Amino acid sequence: MVGLTKAQMAAALQISVRCLDGMMFRKEIGFWRIGKRVVRFRIEDAVRRMNETVLVPARNGRGPADAGNPNPEIRHPRRND
């Protein structure tokens, strides 16, 4: 089993370590402790979490940033697509 450090897990999820601490506190992500201070995460949990949150499928040919925006031209006024 591969154990990721906090920094590695945060990088894999593209979030800050502080945000990861909050997820741990809210029990949104699994981890295990080694002693009092050292924590590790399973790589499988990182992949699962990325599939749930980071990898959002595009809808109607629009990207994930525009998926819920009824006026994408307001959000991206200089984009020509």
PDB file of N, CA and C in Angstrom:
ATOM      1  N   MET A   1       0.843  -1.167   0.000  1.00  0.00           N
ATOM      2  CA  MET A   1       0.000   0.000   0.000  1.00  0.00           C
ATOM      3  C   MET A   1       0.897   1.240   0.000  1.00  0.00           C
ATOM      4  N   VAL A   2       0.533   2.221  -0.822  1.00  0.00           N
ATOM      5  CA  VAL A   2       1.301   3.444  -0.926  1.00  0.00           C
ATOM      6  C   VAL A   2       0.713   4.480   0.022  1.00  0.00           C
ATOM      7  N   GLY A   3       1.563   5.083   0.835  1.00  0.00           N
ATOM      8  CA  GLY A   3       1.104   6.115   1.762  1.00  0.00           C
ATOM      9  C   GLY A   3       1.627   7.475   1.350  1.00  0.00           C
ATOM     10  N   LEU A   4       0.709   8.385   1.027  1.00  0.00           N
ATOM     11  CA  LEU A   4       1.089   9.731   0.633  1.00  0.00           C
ATOM     12  C   LEU A   4       1.181  10.638   1.851  1.00  0.00           C
ATOM     13  N   THR A   5       2.115  11.574   1.811  1.00  0.00           N
ATOM     14  CA  THR A   5       2.203  12.574   2.868  1.00  0.00           C
ATOM     15  C   THR A   5       1.126  13.627   2.640  1.00  0.00           C
ATOM     16  N   LYS A   6       0.961  14.534   3.613  1.00  0.00           N
ATOM     17  CA  LYS A   6      -0.012  15.614   3.457  1.00  0.00           C
ATOM     18  C   LYS A   6       0.297  16.460   2.230  1.00  0.00           C
ATOM     19  N   ALA A   7       1.561  16.810   2.062  1.00  0.00           N
ATOM     20  CA  ALA A   7       1.958  17.645   0.925  1.00  0.00           C
ATOM     21  C   ALA A   7       1.689  16.939  -0.402  1.00  0.00           C
ATOM     22  N   GLN A   8       1.975  15.647  -0.467  1.00  0.00           N
ATOM     23  CA  GLN A   8       1.737  14.895  -1.695  1.00  0.00           C
ATOM     24  C   GLN A   8       0.246  14.786  -1.992  1.00  0.00           C
ATOM     25  N   MET A   9      -0.556  14.532  -0.950  1.00  0.00           N
ATOM     26  CA  MET A   9      -1.995  14.410  -1.147  1.00  0.00           C
ATOM     27  C   MET A   9      -2.598  15.740  -1.573  1.00  0.00           C
ATOM     28  N   ALA A  10      -2.173  16.826  -0.938  1.00  0.00           N
ATOM     29  CA  ALA A  10      -2.677  18.153  -1.307  1.00  0.00           C
ATOM     30  C   ALA A  10      -2.314  18.473  -2.756  1.00  0.00           C
ATOM     31  N   ALA A  11      -1.103  18.147  -3.161  1.00  0.00           N
ATOM     32  CA  ALA A  11      -0.691  18.393  -4.539  1.00  0.00           C
ATOM     33  C   ALA A  11      -1.508  17.552  -5.516  1.00  0.00           C
ATOM     34  N   ALA A  12      -1.768  16.304  -5.164  1.00  0.00           N
ATOM     35  CA  ALA A  12      -2.550  15.427  -6.037  1.00  0.00           C
ATOM     36  C   ALA A  12      -3.972  15.952  -6.222  1.00  0.00           C
ATOM     37  N   LEU A  13      -4.543  16.529  -5.170  1.00  0.00           N
ATOM     38  CA  LEU A  13      -5.906  17.060  -5.228  1.00  0.00           C
ATOM     39  C   LEU A  13      -5.949  18.515  -5.684  1.00  0.00           C
ATOM     40  N   GLN A  14      -4.774  19.118  -5.866  1.00  0.00           N
ATOM     41  CA  GLN A  14      -4.651  20.514  -6.275  1.00  0.00           C
ATOM     42  C   GLN A  14      -5.327  21.450  -5.273  1.00  0.00           C
ATOM     43  N   ILE A  15      -5.041  21.210  -3.996  1.00  0.00           N
ATOM     44  CA  ILE A  15      -5.556  22.038  -2.910  1.00  0.00           C
ATOM     45  C   ILE A  15      -4.408  22.348  -1.965  1.00  0.00           C
ATOM     46  N   SER A  16      -4.642  23.255  -1.030  1.00  0.00           N
ATOM     47  CA  SER A  16      -3.607  23.575  -0.051  1.00  0.00           C
ATOM     48  C   SER A  16      -3.603  22.540   1.073  1.00  0.00           C
ATOM     49  N   VAL A  17      -2.500  22.488   1.800  1.00  0.00           N
ATOM     50  CA  VAL A  17      -2.417  21.593   2.956  1.00  0.00           C
ATOM     51  C   VAL A  17      -3.453  22.009   3.997  1.00  0.00           C
ATOM     52  N   ARG A  18      -3.675  23.311   4.131  1.00  0.00           N
ATOM     53  CA  ARG A  18      -4.673  23.800   5.087  1.00  0.00           C
ATOM     54  C   ARG A  18      -6.085  23.318   4.713  1.00  0.00           C
ATOM     55  N   CYS A  19      -6.391  23.340   3.433  1.00  0.00           N
ATOM     56  CA  CYS A  19      -7.688  22.822   2.975  1.00  0.00           C
ATOM     57  C   CYS A  19      -7.782  21.325   3.265  1.00  0.00           C
ATOM     58  N   LEU A  20      -6.697  20.606   3.067  1.00  0.00           N
ATOM     59  CA  LEU A  20      -6.662  19.177   3.363  1.00  0.00           C
ATOM     60  C   LEU A  20      -6.881  18.928   4.855  1.00  0.00           C
ATOM     61  N   ASP A  21      -6.288  19.781   5.701  1.00  0.00           N
ATOM     62  CA  ASP A  21      -6.523  19.674   7.146  1.00  0.00           C
ATOM     63  C   ASP A  21      -8.012  19.805   7.460  1.00  0.00           C
ATOM     64  N   GLY A  22      -8.683  20.730   6.800  1.00  0.00           N
ATOM     65  CA  GLY A  22     -10.119  20.896   6.999  1.00  0.00           C
ATOM     66  C   GLY A  22     -10.906  19.676   6.566  1.00  0.00           C
ATOM     67  N   MET A  23     -10.504  19.081   5.449  1.00  0.00           N
ATOM     68  CA  MET A  23     -11.163  17.863   4.977  1.00  0.00           C
ATOM     69  C   MET A  23     -10.968  16.725   5.970  1.00  0.00           C
ATOM     70  N   MET A  24      -9.781  16.652   6.557  1.00  0.00           N
ATOM     71  CA  MET A  24      -9.517  15.618   7.558  1.00  0.00           C
ATOM     72  C   MET A  24     -10.391  15.850   8.793  1.00  0.00           C
ATOM     73  N   PHE A  25     -10.500  17.100   9.226  1.00  0.00           N
ATOM     74  CA  PHE A  25     -11.290  17.439  10.400  1.00  0.00           C
ATOM     75  C   PHE A  25     -12.766  17.105  10.182  1.00  0.00           C
ATOM     76  N   ARG A  26     -13.269  17.372   8.965  1.00  0.00           N
ATOM     77  CA  ARG A  26     -14.675  17.103   8.634  1.00  0.00           C
ATOM     78  C   ARG A  26     -14.912  15.651   8.224  1.00  0.00           C
ATOM     79  N   LYS A  27     -13.830  14.844   8.226  1.00  0.00           N
ATOM     80  CA  LYS A  27     -13.882  13.421   7.868  1.00  0.00           C
ATOM     81  C   LYS A  27     -14.381  13.204   6.438  1.00  0.00           C
ATOM     82  N   GLU A  28     -13.938  14.093   5.540  1.00  0.00           N
ATOM     83  CA  GLU A  28     -14.292  13.973   4.134  1.00  0.00           C
ATOM     84  C   GLU A  28     -13.299  13.103   3.363  1.00  0.00           C
ATOM     85  N   ILE A  29     -12.183  12.803   4.008  1.00  0.00           N
ATOM     86  CA  ILE A  29     -11.162  11.991   3.353  1.00  0.00           C
ATOM     87  C   ILE A  29     -10.511  11.080   4.396  1.00  0.00           C
ATOM     88  N   GLY A  30     -10.234   9.863   3.979  1.00  0.00           N
ATOM     89  CA  GLY A  30      -9.647   8.898   4.904  1.00  0.00           C
ATOM     90  C   GLY A  30      -8.144   9.074   5.052  1.00  0.00           C
ATOM     91  N   PHE A  31      -7.644   8.763   6.218  1.00  0.00           N
ATOM     92  CA  PHE A  31      -6.211   8.827   6.490  1.00  0.00           C
ATOM     93  C   PHE A  31      -5.916   7.939   7.679  1.00  0.00           C
ATOM     94  N   TRP A  32      -4.650   7.669   7.917  1.00  0.00           N
ATOM     95  CA  TRP A  32      -4.267   6.952   9.129  1.00  0.00           C
ATOM     96  C   TRP A  32      -3.086   7.644   9.768  1.00  0.00           C
ATOM     97  N   ARG A  33      -2.971   7.484  11.059  1.00  0.00           N
ATOM     98  CA  ARG A  33      -1.914   8.128  11.832  1.00  0.00           C
ATOM     99  C   ARG A  33      -0.797   7.132  12.136  1.00  0.00           C
ATOM    100  N   ILE A  34       0.411   7.663  12.124  1.00  0.00           N
ATOM    101  CA  ILE A  34       1.577   6.918  12.569  1.00  0.00           C
ATOM    102  C   ILE A  34       2.153   7.751  13.711  1.00  0.00           C
ATOM    103  N   GLY A  35       1.900   7.349  14.929  1.00  0.00           N
ATOM    104  CA  GLY A  35       2.285   8.165  16.076  1.00  0.00           C
ATOM    105  C   GLY A  35       1.294   9.297  16.282  1.00  0.00           C
ATOM    106  N   LYS A  36       1.753  10.387  16.895  1.00  0.00           N
ATOM    107  CA  LYS A  36       0.855  11.501  17.181  1.00  0.00           C
ATOM    108  C   LYS A  36       0.741  12.497  16.040  1.00  0.00           C
ATOM    109  N   ARG A  37       1.800  12.679  15.269  1.00  0.00           N
ATOM    110  CA  ARG A  37       1.814  13.756  14.285  1.00  0.00           C
ATOM    111  C   ARG A  37       1.807  13.313  12.827  1.00  0.00           C
ATOM    112  N   VAL A  38       2.346  12.165  12.543  1.00  0.00           N
ATOM    113  CA  VAL A  38       2.501  11.735  11.152  1.00  0.00           C
ATOM    114  C   VAL A  38       1.198  11.120  10.650  1.00  0.00           C
ATOM    115  N   VAL A  39       0.725  11.602   9.506  1.00  0.00           N
ATOM    116  CA  VAL A  39      -0.460  11.032   8.872  1.00  0.00           C
ATOM    117  C   VAL A  39      -0.105  10.617   7.456  1.00  0.00           C
ATOM    118  N   ARG A  40      -0.809   9.642   6.957  1.00  0.00           N
ATOM    119  CA  ARG A  40      -0.627   9.162   5.595  1.00  0.00           C
ATOM    120  C   ARG A  40      -1.986   8.939   4.956  1.00  0.00           C
ATOM    121  N   PHE A  41      -1.992   9.037   3.626  1.00  0.00           N
ATOM    122  CA  PHE A  41      -3.202   8.869   2.833  1.00  0.00           C
ATOM    123  C   PHE A  41      -2.970   7.785   1.806  1.00  0.00           C
ATOM    124  N   ARG A  42      -4.025   7.080   1.452  1.00  0.00           N
ATOM    125  CA  ARG A  42      -3.933   6.047   0.421  1.00  0.00           C
ATOM    126  C   ARG A  42      -4.037   6.692  -0.953  1.00  0.00           C
ATOM    127  N   ILE A  43      -3.242   6.248  -1.900  1.00  0.00           N
ATOM    128  CA  ILE A  43      -3.282   6.784  -3.261  1.00  0.00           C
ATOM    129  C   ILE A  43      -4.651   6.517  -3.892  1.00  0.00           C
ATOM    130  N   GLU A  44      -5.276   5.410  -3.521  1.00  0.00           N
ATOM    131  CA  GLU A  44      -6.594   5.084  -4.057  1.00  0.00           C
ATOM    132  C   GLU A  44      -7.626   6.133  -3.642  1.00  0.00           C
ATOM    133  N   ASP A  45      -7.493   6.649  -2.414  1.00  0.00           N
ATOM    134  CA  ASP A  45      -8.408   7.694  -1.951  1.00  0.00           C
ATOM    135  C   ASP A  45      -8.190   8.987  -2.734  1.00  0.00           C
ATOM    136  N   ALA A  46      -6.943   9.274  -3.088  1.00  0.00           N
ATOM    137  CA  ALA A  46      -6.646  10.472  -3.874  1.00  0.00           C
ATOM    138  C   ALA A  46      -7.293  10.373  -5.252  1.00  0.00           C
ATOM    139  N   VAL A  47      -7.161   9.217  -5.887  1.00  0.00           N
ATOM    140  CA  VAL A  47      -7.752   9.016  -7.214  1.00  0.00           C
ATOM    141  C   VAL A  47      -9.265   9.105  -7.140  1.00  0.00           C
ATOM    142  N   ARG A  48      -9.854   8.462  -6.130  1.00  0.00           N
ATOM    143  CA  ARG A  48     -11.320   8.500  -5.970  1.00  0.00           C
ATOM    144  C   ARG A  48     -11.797   9.926  -5.760  1.00  0.00           C
ATOM    145  N   ARG A  49     -11.103  10.662  -4.901  1.00  0.00           N
ATOM    146  CA  ARG A  49     -11.494  12.039  -4.602  1.00  0.00           C
ATOM    147  C   ARG A  49     -11.349  12.937  -5.834  1.00  0.00           C
ATOM    148  N   MET A  50     -10.297  12.727  -6.617  1.00  0.00           N
ATOM    149  CA  MET A  50     -10.125  13.517  -7.840  1.00  0.00           C
ATOM    150  C   MET A  50     -11.256  13.226  -8.819  1.00  0.00           C
ATOM    151  N   ASN A  51     -11.657  11.970  -8.936  1.00  0.00           N
ATOM    152  CA  ASN A  51     -12.760  11.621  -9.825  1.00  0.00           C
ATOM    153  C   ASN A  51     -14.064  12.270  -9.378  1.00  0.00           C
ATOM    154  N   GLU A  52     -14.238  12.450  -8.078  1.00  0.00           N
ATOM    155  CA  GLU A  52     -15.467  13.054  -7.560  1.00  0.00           C
ATOM    156  C   GLU A  52     -15.480  14.567  -7.710  1.00  0.00           C
ATOM    157  N   THR A  53     -14.318  15.206  -7.571  1.00  0.00           N
ATOM    158  CA  THR A  53     -14.307  16.663  -7.477  1.00  0.00           C
ATOM    159  C   THR A  53     -13.525  17.373  -8.566  1.00  0.00           C
ATOM    160  N   VAL A  54     -12.360  16.904  -8.906  1.00  0.00           N
ATOM    161  CA  VAL A  54     -11.496  17.633  -9.818  1.00  0.00           C
ATOM    162  C   VAL A  54     -11.848  17.355 -11.268  1.00  0.00           C
ATOM    163  N   LEU A  55     -12.067  16.111 -11.599  1.00  0.00           N
ATOM    164  CA  LEU A  55     -12.338  15.730 -12.980  1.00  0.00           C
ATOM    165  C   LEU A  55     -13.833  15.815 -13.258  1.00  0.00           C
ATOM    166  N   VAL A  56     -14.285  16.989 -13.671  1.00  0.00           N
ATOM    167  CA  VAL A  56     -15.705  17.222 -13.938  1.00  0.00           C
ATOM    168  C   VAL A  56     -15.929  17.095 -15.436  1.00  0.00           C
ATOM    169  N   PRO A  57     -16.876  16.258 -15.870  1.00  0.00           N
ATOM    170  CA  PRO A  57     -17.107  16.113 -17.301  1.00  0.00           C
ATOM    171  C   PRO A  57     -17.716  17.386 -17.888  1.00  0.00           C
ATOM    172  N   ALA A  58     -17.308  17.734 -19.108  1.00  0.00           N
ATOM    173  CA  ALA A  58     -17.861  18.895 -19.798  1.00  0.00           C
ATOM    174  C   ALA A  58     -19.285  18.592 -20.231  1.00  0.00           C
ATOM    175  N   ARG A  59     -20.122  19.627 -20.219  1.00  0.00           N
ATOM    176  CA  ARG A  59     -21.517  19.472 -20.651  1.00  0.00           C
ATOM    177  C   ARG A  59     -21.781  20.388 -21.842  1.00  0.00           C
ATOM    178  N   ASN A  60     -22.525  19.899 -22.802  1.00  0.00           N
ATOM    179  CA  ASN A  60     -22.947  20.693 -23.959  1.00  0.00           C
ATOM    180  C   ASN A  60     -21.779  21.342 -24.691  1.00  0.00           C
ATOM    181  N   GLY A  61     -20.638  20.689 -24.694  1.00  0.00           N
ATOM    182  CA  GLY A  61     -19.488  21.233 -25.384  1.00  0.00           C
ATOM    183  C   GLY A  61     -18.801  22.367 -24.659  1.00  0.00           C
ATOM    184  N   ARG A  62     -19.289  22.702 -23.484  1.00  0.00           N
ATOM    185  CA  ARG A  62     -18.665  23.778 -22.715  1.00  0.00           C
ATOM    186  C   ARG A  62     -17.806  23.151 -21.634  1.00  0.00           C
ATOM    187  N   GLY A  63     -16.774  23.858 -21.216  1.00  0.00           N
ATOM    188  CA  GLY A  63     -15.876  23.356 -20.187  1.00  0.00           C
ATOM    189  C   GLY A  63     -16.505  23.394 -18.820  1.00  0.00           C
ATOM    190  N   PRO A  64     -15.876  22.782 -17.815  1.00  0.00           N
ATOM    191  CA  PRO A  64     -16.424  22.729 -16.466  1.00  0.00           C
ATOM    192  C   PRO A  64     -16.604  24.099 -15.829  1.00  0.00           C
ATOM    193  N   ALA A  65     -15.772  25.085 -16.196  1.00  0.00           N
ATOM    194  CA  ALA A  65     -15.902  26.411 -15.598  1.00  0.00           C
ATOM    195  C   ALA A  65     -17.181  27.093 -16.048  1.00  0.00           C
ATOM    196  N   ASP A  66     -17.653  26.772 -17.253  1.00  0.00           N
ATOM    197  CA  ASP A  66     -18.844  27.410 -17.792  1.00  0.00           C
ATOM    198  C   ASP A  66     -20.102  26.561 -17.619  1.00  0.00           C
ATOM    199  N   ALA A  67     -19.975  25.358 -17.092  1.00  0.00           N
ATOM    200  CA  ALA A  67     -21.096  24.424 -17.061  1.00  0.00           C
ATOM    201  C   ALA A  67     -22.320  24.982 -16.355  1.00  0.00           C
ATOM    202  N   GLY A  68     -22.146  25.667 -15.240  1.00  0.00           N
ATOM    203  CA  GLY A  68     -23.289  26.182 -14.512  1.00  0.00           C
ATOM    204  C   GLY A  68     -23.509  27.669 -14.704  1.00  0.00           C
ATOM    205  N   ASN A  69     -22.782  28.292 -15.616  1.00  0.00           N
ATOM    206  CA  ASN A  69     -22.868  29.732 -15.811  1.00  0.00           C
ATOM    207  C   ASN A  69     -23.806  30.031 -16.975  1.00  0.00           C
ATOM    208  N   PRO A  70     -24.965  30.664 -16.727  1.00  0.00           N
ATOM    209  CA  PRO A  70     -25.894  30.950 -17.822  1.00  0.00           C
ATOM    210  C   PRO A  70     -25.371  32.034 -18.770  1.00  0.00           C
ATOM    211  N   ASN A  71     -24.425  32.849 -18.312  1.00  0.00           N
ATOM    212  CA  ASN A  71     -23.851  33.915 -19.132  1.00  0.00           C
ATOM    213  C   ASN A  71     -22.337  33.803 -19.171  1.00  0.00           C
ATOM    214  N   PRO A  72     -21.793  32.832 -19.912  1.00  0.00           N
ATOM    215  CA  PRO A  72     -20.342  32.644 -19.906  1.00  0.00           C
ATOM    216  C   PRO A  72     -19.587  33.851 -20.447  1.00  0.00           C
ATOM    217  N   GLU A  73     -20.240  34.663 -21.286  1.00  0.00           N
ATOM    218  CA  GLU A  73     -19.543  35.832 -21.827  1.00  0.00           C
ATOM    219  C   GLU A  73     -19.247  36.859 -20.742  1.00  0.00           C
ATOM    220  N   ILE A  74     -19.999  36.858 -19.653  1.00  0.00           N
ATOM    221  CA  ILE A  74     -19.731  37.778 -18.548  1.00  0.00           C
ATOM    222  C   ILE A  74     -18.500  37.318 -17.779  1.00  0.00           C
ATOM    223  N   ARG A  75     -18.378  36.031 -17.594  1.00  0.00           N
ATOM    224  CA  ARG A  75     -17.231  35.508 -16.855  1.00  0.00           C
ATOM    225  C   ARG A  75     -15.946  35.614 -17.650  1.00  0.00           C
ATOM    226  N   HIS A  76     -16.040  35.418 -18.970  1.00  0.00           N
ATOM    227  CA  HIS A  76     -14.883  35.430 -19.839  1.00  0.00           C
ATOM    228  C   HIS A  76     -15.120  36.446 -20.960  1.00  0.00           C
ATOM    229  N   PRO A  77     -15.071  37.754 -20.655  1.00  0.00           N
ATOM    230  CA  PRO A  77     -15.439  38.747 -21.659  1.00  0.00           C
ATOM    231  C   PRO A  77     -14.486  38.821 -22.846  1.00  0.00           C
ATOM    232  N   ARG A  78     -13.229  38.385 -22.706  1.00  0.00           N
ATOM    233  CA  ARG A  78     -12.263  38.494 -23.787  1.00  0.00           C
ATOM    234  C   ARG A  78     -12.042  37.185 -24.532  1.00  0.00           C
ATOM    235  N   ARG A  79     -12.724  36.148 -24.137  1.00  0.00           N
ATOM    236  CA  ARG A  79     -12.523  34.856 -24.787  1.00  0.00           C
ATOM    237  C   ARG A  79     -13.320  34.801 -26.079  1.00  0.00           C
ATOM    238  N   ASN A  80     -12.711  34.331 -27.139  1.00  0.00           N
ATOM    239  CA  ASN A  80     -13.371  34.247 -28.437  1.00  0.00           C
ATOM    240  C   ASN A  80     -13.549  32.794 -28.850  1.00  0.00           C
ATOM    241  N   ASP A  81     -14.554  32.126 -28.273  1.00  0.00           N
ATOM    242  CA  ASP A  81     -14.772  30.733 -28.680  1.00  0.00           C
ATOM    243  C   ASP A  81     -16.185  30.497 -29.062  1.00  0.00           C
TER     244      ASP A  81
END
